[in-house]
Amino acid sequence: MTIFAELGFDVVSVAGDGDADRLVAGLGIDDRVERPDELDARLTDALCDADLVVVENLATIPLNLEASRSAGRVLAG
């Protein structure tokens, strides 16, 4: 994040919990998703102004498989 900011990019962090600029319910490690389409919509809203998305740990360590799948669907679209 620091390098992107130093290069002049506006950097916004998105997470399910913790210290992030935008929190999205359903992305947390222990979150349970009952309606994947709702998570897709929340994630789409959180990323609506992004030109570049760097996904860190969500797919490599899929402790919340539905969050990984949602990110894949949203970013593929």
N, C-alpha and C. Protein backbone atom coordinates (compact mmCIF):
# COMPACT_ATOMS: atom_id res chain seq x y z
N MET A 1 0.82 -1.18 0.00
CA MET A 1 0.00 0.00 0.00
C MET A 1 0.86 1.25 0.00
N THR A 2 1.95 1.19 0.76
CA THR A 2 2.83 2.35 0.85
C THR A 2 3.44 2.68 -0.51
N ILE A 3 3.88 1.67 -1.22
CA ILE A 3 4.50 1.89 -2.53
C ILE A 3 3.50 2.48 -3.51
N PHE A 4 2.29 1.94 -3.55
CA PHE A 4 1.26 2.49 -4.45
C PHE A 4 0.98 3.95 -4.11
N ALA A 5 0.89 4.27 -2.82
CA ALA A 5 0.65 5.65 -2.40
C ALA A 5 1.82 6.55 -2.82
N GLU A 6 3.05 6.06 -2.65
CA GLU A 6 4.22 6.84 -3.05
C GLU A 6 4.27 7.07 -4.56
N LEU A 7 3.69 6.16 -5.32
CA LEU A 7 3.62 6.31 -6.77
C LEU A 7 2.48 7.22 -7.21
N GLY A 8 1.71 7.70 -6.24
CA GLY A 8 0.67 8.66 -6.56
C GLY A 8 -0.74 8.11 -6.64
N PHE A 9 -0.89 6.83 -6.34
CA PHE A 9 -2.23 6.23 -6.37
C PHE A 9 -2.99 6.56 -5.10
N ASP A 10 -4.31 6.71 -5.23
CA ASP A 10 -5.18 6.77 -4.06
C ASP A 10 -5.38 5.33 -3.63
N VAL A 11 -5.07 5.03 -2.39
CA VAL A 11 -5.15 3.66 -1.88
C VAL A 11 -6.28 3.57 -0.86
N VAL A 12 -7.14 2.58 -1.08
CA VAL A 12 -8.26 2.34 -0.17
C VAL A 12 -8.22 0.86 0.20
N SER A 13 -8.22 0.57 1.49
CA SER A 13 -8.23 -0.82 1.92
C SER A 13 -9.67 -1.27 2.19
N VAL A 14 -9.93 -2.54 1.85
CA VAL A 14 -11.26 -3.13 2.03
C VAL A 14 -11.06 -4.44 2.78
N ALA A 15 -11.84 -4.66 3.83
CA ALA A 15 -11.71 -5.89 4.62
C ALA A 15 -13.04 -6.21 5.29
N GLY A 16 -13.08 -7.38 5.88
CA GLY A 16 -14.26 -7.79 6.61
C GLY A 16 -14.27 -7.31 8.04
N ASP A 17 -13.08 -7.05 8.58
CA ASP A 17 -12.97 -6.53 9.94
C ASP A 17 -11.59 -5.92 10.09
N GLY A 18 -11.35 -5.31 11.23
CA GLY A 18 -10.04 -4.74 11.49
C GLY A 18 -9.94 -3.29 11.07
N ASP A 19 -8.72 -2.85 10.83
CA ASP A 19 -8.43 -1.46 10.51
C ASP A 19 -8.38 -1.30 8.98
N ALA A 20 -9.51 -1.01 8.37
CA ALA A 20 -9.58 -0.84 6.93
C ALA A 20 -10.42 0.40 6.63
N ASP A 21 -10.21 0.95 5.44
CA ASP A 21 -10.98 2.13 5.05
C ASP A 21 -12.45 1.79 4.82
N ARG A 22 -12.69 0.62 4.25
CA ARG A 22 -14.06 0.17 3.97
C ARG A 22 -14.24 -1.24 4.51
N LEU A 23 -15.20 -1.40 5.40
CA LEU A 23 -15.51 -2.72 5.95
C LEU A 23 -16.71 -3.30 5.23
N VAL A 24 -16.59 -4.55 4.83
CA VAL A 24 -17.66 -5.25 4.11
C VAL A 24 -18.07 -6.47 4.92
N ALA A 25 -19.30 -6.44 5.41
CA ALA A 25 -19.82 -7.59 6.16
C ALA A 25 -19.80 -8.83 5.27
N GLY A 26 -19.27 -9.91 5.80
CA GLY A 26 -19.20 -11.16 5.05
C GLY A 26 -17.79 -11.53 4.62
N LEU A 27 -16.86 -10.57 4.67
CA LEU A 27 -15.49 -10.85 4.25
C LEU A 27 -14.60 -11.33 5.39
N GLY A 28 -15.05 -11.22 6.62
CA GLY A 28 -14.24 -11.61 7.77
C GLY A 28 -14.00 -13.11 7.82
N ILE A 29 -12.94 -13.49 8.47
CA ILE A 29 -12.55 -14.90 8.56
C ILE A 29 -13.67 -15.75 9.14
N ASP A 30 -14.32 -15.25 10.18
CA ASP A 30 -15.35 -16.02 10.85
C ASP A 30 -16.77 -15.70 10.38
N ASP A 31 -16.90 -14.84 9.37
CA ASP A 31 -18.23 -14.48 8.87
C ASP A 31 -18.86 -15.65 8.13
N ARG A 32 -20.14 -15.77 8.28
CA ARG A 32 -20.91 -16.77 7.54
C ARG A 32 -21.84 -16.05 6.58
N VAL A 33 -21.86 -16.50 5.35
CA VAL A 33 -22.65 -15.84 4.30
C VAL A 33 -23.85 -16.70 3.96
N GLU A 34 -25.02 -16.15 4.20
CA GLU A 34 -26.24 -16.88 3.85
C GLU A 34 -26.71 -16.55 2.45
N ARG A 35 -26.44 -15.32 2.00
CA ARG A 35 -26.87 -14.90 0.67
C ARG A 35 -25.67 -14.39 -0.12
N PRO A 36 -25.04 -15.26 -0.90
CA PRO A 36 -23.85 -14.84 -1.66
C PRO A 36 -24.09 -13.64 -2.57
N ASP A 37 -25.30 -13.52 -3.12
CA ASP A 37 -25.58 -12.38 -4.00
C ASP A 37 -25.52 -11.06 -3.24
N GLU A 38 -25.88 -11.07 -1.95
CA GLU A 38 -25.79 -9.85 -1.15
C GLU A 38 -24.34 -9.49 -0.88
N LEU A 39 -23.50 -10.48 -0.61
CA LEU A 39 -22.07 -10.22 -0.42
C LEU A 39 -21.48 -9.68 -1.72
N ASP A 40 -21.85 -10.27 -2.84
CA ASP A 40 -21.36 -9.77 -4.14
C ASP A 40 -21.72 -8.30 -4.31
N ALA A 41 -22.94 -7.92 -3.95
CA ALA A 41 -23.40 -6.54 -4.10
C ALA A 41 -22.61 -5.60 -3.17
N ARG A 42 -22.40 -6.01 -1.92
CA ARG A 42 -21.64 -5.18 -0.98
C ARG A 42 -20.20 -5.01 -1.45
N LEU A 43 -19.61 -6.08 -1.94
CA LEU A 43 -18.23 -6.01 -2.42
C LEU A 43 -18.13 -5.16 -3.68
N THR A 44 -19.09 -5.30 -4.57
CA THR A 44 -19.14 -4.46 -5.78
C THR A 44 -19.21 -2.99 -5.40
N ASP A 45 -20.05 -2.65 -4.44
CA ASP A 45 -20.15 -1.27 -3.98
C ASP A 45 -18.83 -0.77 -3.40
N ALA A 46 -18.16 -1.61 -2.61
CA ALA A 46 -16.90 -1.22 -1.97
C ALA A 46 -15.79 -0.99 -2.99
N LEU A 47 -15.88 -1.68 -4.14
CA LEU A 47 -14.82 -1.59 -5.15
C LEU A 47 -15.21 -0.74 -6.35
N CYS A 48 -16.35 -0.08 -6.30
CA CYS A 48 -16.90 0.59 -7.48
C CYS A 48 -15.98 1.63 -8.10
N ASP A 49 -15.13 2.27 -7.32
CA ASP A 49 -14.26 3.31 -7.87
C ASP A 49 -12.81 2.85 -8.03
N ALA A 50 -12.58 1.56 -7.97
CA ALA A 50 -11.21 1.02 -8.04
C ALA A 50 -10.79 0.80 -9.49
N ASP A 51 -9.56 1.19 -9.79
CA ASP A 51 -8.96 0.89 -11.09
C ASP A 51 -8.08 -0.35 -11.01
N LEU A 52 -7.57 -0.63 -9.82
CA LEU A 52 -6.71 -1.77 -9.59
C LEU A 52 -7.08 -2.37 -8.24
N VAL A 53 -7.21 -3.69 -8.21
CA VAL A 53 -7.53 -4.37 -6.96
C VAL A 53 -6.44 -5.41 -6.70
N VAL A 54 -5.82 -5.33 -5.53
CA VAL A 54 -4.83 -6.32 -5.11
C VAL A 54 -5.48 -7.13 -3.99
N VAL A 55 -5.67 -8.41 -4.23
CA VAL A 55 -6.29 -9.28 -3.24
C VAL A 55 -5.18 -9.97 -2.46
N GLU A 56 -5.21 -9.77 -1.15
CA GLU A 56 -4.16 -10.33 -0.31
C GLU A 56 -4.77 -11.32 0.68
N ASN A 57 -4.32 -12.56 0.63
CA ASN A 57 -4.69 -13.64 1.54
C ASN A 57 -6.10 -14.19 1.39
N LEU A 58 -6.98 -13.55 0.69
CA LEU A 58 -8.35 -14.01 0.60
C LEU A 58 -8.46 -15.31 -0.19
N ALA A 59 -7.71 -15.44 -1.25
CA ALA A 59 -7.79 -16.64 -2.07
C ALA A 59 -6.69 -17.65 -1.73
N THR A 60 -5.57 -17.15 -1.22
CA THR A 60 -4.47 -18.06 -0.92
C THR A 60 -4.68 -18.82 0.37
N ILE A 61 -5.41 -18.20 1.28
CA ILE A 61 -5.73 -18.84 2.56
C ILE A 61 -7.25 -18.74 2.73
N PRO A 62 -7.99 -19.60 2.03
CA PRO A 62 -9.46 -19.45 2.01
C PRO A 62 -10.14 -19.94 3.28
N LEU A 63 -9.98 -19.19 4.36
CA LEU A 63 -10.65 -19.54 5.60
C LEU A 63 -12.14 -19.19 5.54
N ASN A 64 -12.49 -18.27 4.66
CA ASN A 64 -13.88 -17.94 4.40
C ASN A 64 -14.09 -18.18 2.90
N LEU A 65 -14.42 -19.41 2.57
CA LEU A 65 -14.50 -19.81 1.16
C LEU A 65 -15.52 -18.99 0.38
N GLU A 66 -16.64 -18.65 0.99
CA GLU A 66 -17.65 -17.87 0.27
C GLU A 66 -17.13 -16.46 -0.05
N ALA A 67 -16.34 -15.88 0.83
CA ALA A 67 -15.74 -14.57 0.55
C ALA A 67 -14.76 -14.68 -0.62
N SER A 68 -13.98 -15.76 -0.66
CA SER A 68 -13.07 -15.98 -1.79
C SER A 68 -13.84 -16.10 -3.10
N ARG A 69 -14.91 -16.87 -3.06
CA ARG A 69 -15.73 -17.05 -4.26
C ARG A 69 -16.38 -15.74 -4.69
N SER A 70 -16.86 -14.98 -3.72
CA SER A 70 -17.49 -13.69 -4.05
C SER A 70 -16.49 -12.74 -4.71
N ALA A 71 -15.29 -12.65 -4.16
CA ALA A 71 -14.27 -11.79 -4.76
C ALA A 71 -13.97 -12.25 -6.18
N GLY A 72 -13.89 -13.53 -6.39
CA GLY A 72 -13.65 -14.05 -7.74
C GLY A 72 -14.76 -13.65 -8.70
N ARG A 73 -16.00 -13.80 -8.27
CA ARG A 73 -17.14 -13.43 -9.13
C ARG A 73 -17.14 -11.93 -9.43
N VAL A 74 -16.95 -11.13 -8.39
CA VAL A 74 -17.01 -9.67 -8.57
C VAL A 74 -15.87 -9.18 -9.45
N LEU A 75 -14.66 -9.68 -9.21
CA LEU A 75 -13.52 -9.21 -9.97
C LEU A 75 -13.50 -9.75 -11.40
N ALA A 76 -14.11 -10.90 -11.62
CA ALA A 76 -14.20 -11.42 -13.00
C ALA A 76 -15.17 -10.60 -13.83
N GLY A 77 -16.13 -9.97 -13.17
CA GLY A 77 -17.14 -9.18 -13.87
C GLY A 77 -16.65 -7.80 -14.16
